[in-house]
Amino acid sequence: MNFEFAKKINPELESLKFEKVFKIAIAELEKIPSTDFHAVQNMTFIEQVDAVVNWIDKFYQTASQSNLIKAFYFEMNEFDVNTDMWFIEGFSYNKDGGLNLENLEHMDWLCDYHAISQNIFTLTGFEHLQNAFAKIEEKKENDEWTDEQQNARDWCEQIIIVKFMELMREVHLIAKAKRLIWSKIPIYFTEHGYDFIVKSE
């Protein structure tokens, strides 16, 4: 994780201004000579939004049988090191501990989940980038890895995280439009290991 790059976009992410974040991140990526990671510009998770809505709906139906759900947390796996499969895992809570980005220790309540999704949701369409991340170590061993490639990889990582967050926000909006029962429940989401969490209400 490149924390300097993250600092450039996190303030906008907090306000769910995804289009503005994309403009910042892609402008930075385009300053770098073309790499396999540049393909992220034309990729999206959005076409999977209806399937994710259905997946969460099933999770809610199961988890709500034993407890009143006050919050959800959805996490994308640490995709840069787990290149075989990218997926989402869900957690439900009987309390909403709130968002505190000033002190992430106050987000420890996310560890006390009531239920975890029995099934993960597999994210598809990014196989080209999964392969690019998988080849990094090989390139380093062969002295084929450059600072420019590292910067492209880091911006690509940031953009993937934002695309995941964009997906989860759209999922919540569609749930509201459909007036699904769980649409009024706040959802929190991020990538595993990323020290910045977003909330959709």
Protein backbone atom coordinates (compact mmCIF):
# COMPACT_ATOMS: atom_id res chain seq x y z
CA MET A 1 0.00 0.00 0.00
CA ASN A 2 1.37 3.41 -0.98
CA PHE A 3 0.17 5.67 1.81
CA GLU A 4 1.30 8.83 0.02
CA PHE A 5 -0.96 7.96 -2.91
CA ALA A 6 -3.79 7.09 -0.54
CA LYS A 7 -3.56 10.50 1.13
CA LYS A 8 -4.31 12.16 -2.21
CA ILE A 9 -7.68 10.43 -2.59
CA ASN A 10 -8.93 9.45 0.86
CA PRO A 11 -10.47 12.87 1.69
CA GLU A 12 -12.67 12.58 -1.40
CA LEU A 13 -13.49 8.94 -0.67
CA GLU A 14 -14.82 9.91 2.73
CA SER A 15 -17.48 11.96 0.93
CA LEU A 16 -18.13 9.14 -1.58
CA LYS A 17 -17.00 11.39 -4.45
CA PHE A 18 -15.89 8.49 -6.60
CA GLU A 19 -15.83 10.30 -9.94
CA LYS A 20 -13.53 12.97 -8.52
CA VAL A 21 -11.29 10.28 -7.05
CA PHE A 22 -11.09 8.49 -10.40
CA LYS A 23 -10.05 11.73 -12.12
CA ILE A 24 -7.26 12.27 -9.60
CA ALA A 25 -6.01 8.69 -9.67
CA ILE A 26 -6.23 8.17 -13.43
CA ALA A 27 -4.50 11.51 -14.10
CA GLU A 28 -1.61 10.30 -11.94
CA LEU A 29 -1.57 6.90 -13.64
CA GLU A 30 -1.47 8.49 -17.08
CA LYS A 31 1.74 10.34 -16.15
CA ILE A 32 3.44 6.94 -16.07
CA PRO A 33 4.48 5.08 -19.27
CA SER A 34 2.01 2.36 -20.18
CA THR A 35 2.07 -0.90 -18.19
CA ASP A 36 -0.27 -3.86 -17.74
CA PHE A 37 -1.72 -2.00 -14.75
CA HIS A 38 -3.02 0.83 -16.94
CA ALA A 39 -5.83 -1.48 -18.08
CA VAL A 40 -7.64 -0.72 -14.82
CA GLN A 41 -8.94 2.49 -16.41
CA ASN A 42 -11.37 0.51 -18.58
CA MET A 43 -12.48 -2.04 -16.01
CA THR A 44 -15.44 -1.93 -13.63
CA PHE A 45 -17.27 -4.02 -11.06
CA ILE A 46 -20.56 -2.20 -11.65
CA GLU A 47 -22.04 -4.79 -13.99
CA GLN A 48 -22.10 -7.17 -11.01
CA VAL A 49 -24.21 -4.83 -8.89
CA ASP A 50 -27.51 -6.74 -9.20
CA ALA A 51 -25.83 -10.01 -8.29
CA VAL A 52 -24.26 -8.40 -5.21
CA VAL A 53 -27.65 -7.00 -4.16
CA ASN A 54 -29.11 -10.51 -4.36
CA TRP A 55 -26.15 -11.96 -2.46
CA ILE A 56 -26.56 -9.44 0.37
CA ASP A 57 -30.30 -9.98 0.41
CA LYS A 58 -29.79 -13.70 1.03
CA PHE A 59 -27.21 -12.92 3.71
CA TYR A 60 -29.65 -10.57 5.41
CA GLN A 61 -32.47 -13.13 5.31
CA THR A 62 -30.26 -15.66 7.07
CA ALA A 63 -28.50 -13.36 9.57
CA SER A 64 -31.65 -11.49 10.62
CA GLN A 65 -33.33 -14.69 11.81
CA SER A 66 -31.27 -14.74 14.99
CA ASN A 67 -30.62 -11.06 15.69
CA LEU A 68 -31.65 -7.52 14.79
CA ILE A 69 -29.08 -6.19 12.34
CA LYS A 70 -27.89 -2.62 12.94
CA ALA A 71 -24.90 -2.51 10.57
CA PHE A 72 -23.14 -4.37 7.78
CA TYR A 73 -19.45 -4.51 6.91
CA PHE A 74 -18.23 -5.74 3.52
CA GLU A 75 -14.61 -6.41 2.77
CA MET A 76 -12.78 -7.15 -0.45
CA ASN A 77 -9.95 -9.60 0.07
CA GLU A 78 -6.35 -8.40 -0.05
CA PHE A 79 -6.28 -8.72 -3.81
CA ASP A 80 -2.71 -7.68 -4.55
CA VAL A 81 -1.30 -10.76 -2.80
CA ASN A 82 -4.27 -13.09 -3.30
CA THR A 83 -4.32 -13.08 -7.07
CA ASP A 84 -6.15 -16.37 -7.73
CA MET A 85 -9.53 -15.06 -6.62
CA TRP A 86 -10.95 -11.65 -5.77
CA PHE A 87 -14.03 -11.71 -3.59
CA ILE A 88 -16.27 -9.95 -1.06
CA GLU A 89 -17.03 -11.22 2.42
CA GLY A 90 -19.88 -9.87 4.54
CA PHE A 91 -20.41 -9.36 8.28
CA SER A 92 -23.48 -8.25 10.23
CA TYR A 93 -23.70 -6.52 13.62
CA ASN A 94 -26.31 -6.04 16.31
CA LYS A 95 -24.90 -2.55 16.95
CA ASP A 96 -23.58 0.29 14.84
CA GLY A 97 -20.34 1.48 16.38
CA GLY A 98 -20.04 4.40 13.97
CA LEU A 99 -17.24 5.64 11.74
CA ASN A 100 -14.16 7.20 13.32
CA LEU A 101 -11.40 7.86 10.80
CA GLU A 102 -9.45 10.00 13.25
CA ASN A 103 -8.83 7.01 15.50
CA LEU A 104 -9.22 3.65 13.81
CA GLU A 105 -8.84 1.90 17.17
CA HIS A 106 -12.44 3.02 17.73
CA MET A 107 -13.36 0.85 14.75
CA ASP A 108 -12.49 -2.30 16.71
CA TRP A 109 -16.21 -2.96 17.03
CA LEU A 110 -16.02 -4.40 13.51
CA CYS A 111 -14.25 -7.42 15.03
CA ASP A 112 -17.35 -8.23 17.12
CA TYR A 113 -19.61 -9.32 14.30
CA HIS A 114 -22.83 -11.19 14.89
CA ALA A 115 -22.81 -13.18 11.67
CA ILE A 116 -20.49 -13.77 8.71
CA SER A 117 -21.70 -14.54 5.19
CA GLN A 118 -21.73 -18.27 4.61
CA ASN A 119 -20.72 -17.70 1.00
CA ILE A 120 -18.30 -15.23 -0.49
CA PHE A 121 -19.15 -13.22 -3.59
CA THR A 122 -16.56 -13.78 -6.32
CA LEU A 123 -15.63 -10.67 -8.29
CA THR A 124 -14.89 -11.22 -11.97
CA GLY A 125 -13.74 -9.24 -14.98
CA PHE A 126 -10.33 -8.24 -13.63
CA GLU A 127 -8.42 -11.39 -14.55
CA HIS A 128 -5.90 -9.41 -16.62
CA LEU A 129 -4.93 -7.42 -13.55
CA GLN A 130 -4.93 -10.48 -11.31
CA ASN A 131 -2.30 -11.88 -13.68
CA ALA A 132 -0.34 -8.62 -13.60
CA PHE A 133 -0.19 -8.66 -9.79
CA ALA A 134 0.78 -12.35 -9.83
CA LYS A 135 3.80 -11.67 -12.08
CA ILE A 136 5.34 -8.95 -9.90
CA GLU A 137 7.63 -11.24 -7.89
CA GLU A 138 8.85 -12.96 -11.05
CA LYS A 139 9.72 -9.60 -12.60
CA LYS A 140 11.56 -8.55 -9.45
CA GLU A 141 13.59 -11.75 -9.47
CA ASN A 142 14.51 -11.15 -13.11
CA ASP A 143 15.41 -7.48 -12.47
CA GLU A 144 12.56 -6.42 -14.76
CA TRP A 145 10.76 -4.38 -12.13
CA THR A 146 11.14 -0.60 -12.31
CA ASP A 147 10.09 2.36 -10.16
CA GLU A 148 7.63 3.34 -12.88
CA GLN A 149 6.02 -0.09 -12.79
CA GLN A 150 5.82 0.13 -9.00
CA ASN A 151 4.05 3.49 -9.20
CA ALA A 152 1.65 2.16 -11.83
CA ARG A 153 0.94 -0.86 -9.64
CA ASP A 154 0.30 1.38 -6.62
CA TRP A 155 -2.13 3.65 -8.48
CA CYS A 156 -3.84 0.61 -9.95
CA GLU A 157 -4.30 -0.75 -6.42
CA GLN A 158 -5.88 2.52 -5.30
CA ILE A 159 -8.23 2.57 -8.29
CA ILE A 160 -9.34 -1.03 -7.71
CA ILE A 161 -10.20 -0.20 -4.11
CA VAL A 162 -12.23 2.79 -5.28
CA LYS A 163 -14.02 0.70 -7.90
CA PHE A 164 -14.96 -1.78 -5.18
CA MET A 165 -16.23 1.05 -2.97
CA GLU A 166 -18.17 2.48 -5.90
CA LEU A 167 -19.78 -0.93 -6.38
CA MET A 168 -20.84 -1.19 -2.73
CA ARG A 169 -22.31 2.32 -2.72
CA GLU A 170 -24.29 1.53 -5.88
CA VAL A 171 -25.50 -1.70 -4.27
CA HIS A 172 -26.85 0.30 -1.35
CA LEU A 173 -28.55 2.83 -3.62
CA ILE A 174 -30.24 0.08 -5.64
CA ALA A 175 -31.40 -1.59 -2.45
CA LYS A 176 -32.96 1.72 -1.41
CA ALA A 177 -34.63 2.14 -4.79
CA LYS A 178 -36.09 -1.35 -4.46
CA ARG A 179 -37.07 -0.62 -0.86
CA LEU A 180 -35.41 -3.74 0.40
CA ILE A 181 -35.66 -4.18 4.16
CA TRP A 182 -31.92 -3.91 4.74
CA SER A 183 -31.51 -0.79 2.61
CA LYS A 184 -31.89 1.45 5.68
CA ILE A 185 -29.07 -0.33 7.50
CA PRO A 186 -25.71 1.49 7.24
CA ILE A 187 -22.99 -0.41 5.47
CA TYR A 188 -19.24 -0.05 5.91
CA PHE A 189 -16.75 -1.30 3.34
CA THR A 190 -13.09 -1.40 2.40
CA GLU A 191 -10.32 -3.75 1.29
CA HIS A 192 -8.82 -6.09 3.87
CA GLY A 193 -5.74 -4.44 5.34
CA TYR A 194 -6.62 -0.96 4.05
CA ASP A 195 -6.67 1.54 6.92
CA PHE A 196 -9.49 3.62 5.46
CA ILE A 197 -13.14 2.64 5.77
CA VAL A 198 -16.11 4.12 3.94
CA LYS A 199 -19.70 4.28 5.18
CA SER A 200 -22.92 4.40 3.16
CA GLU A 201 -26.14 5.33 4.93
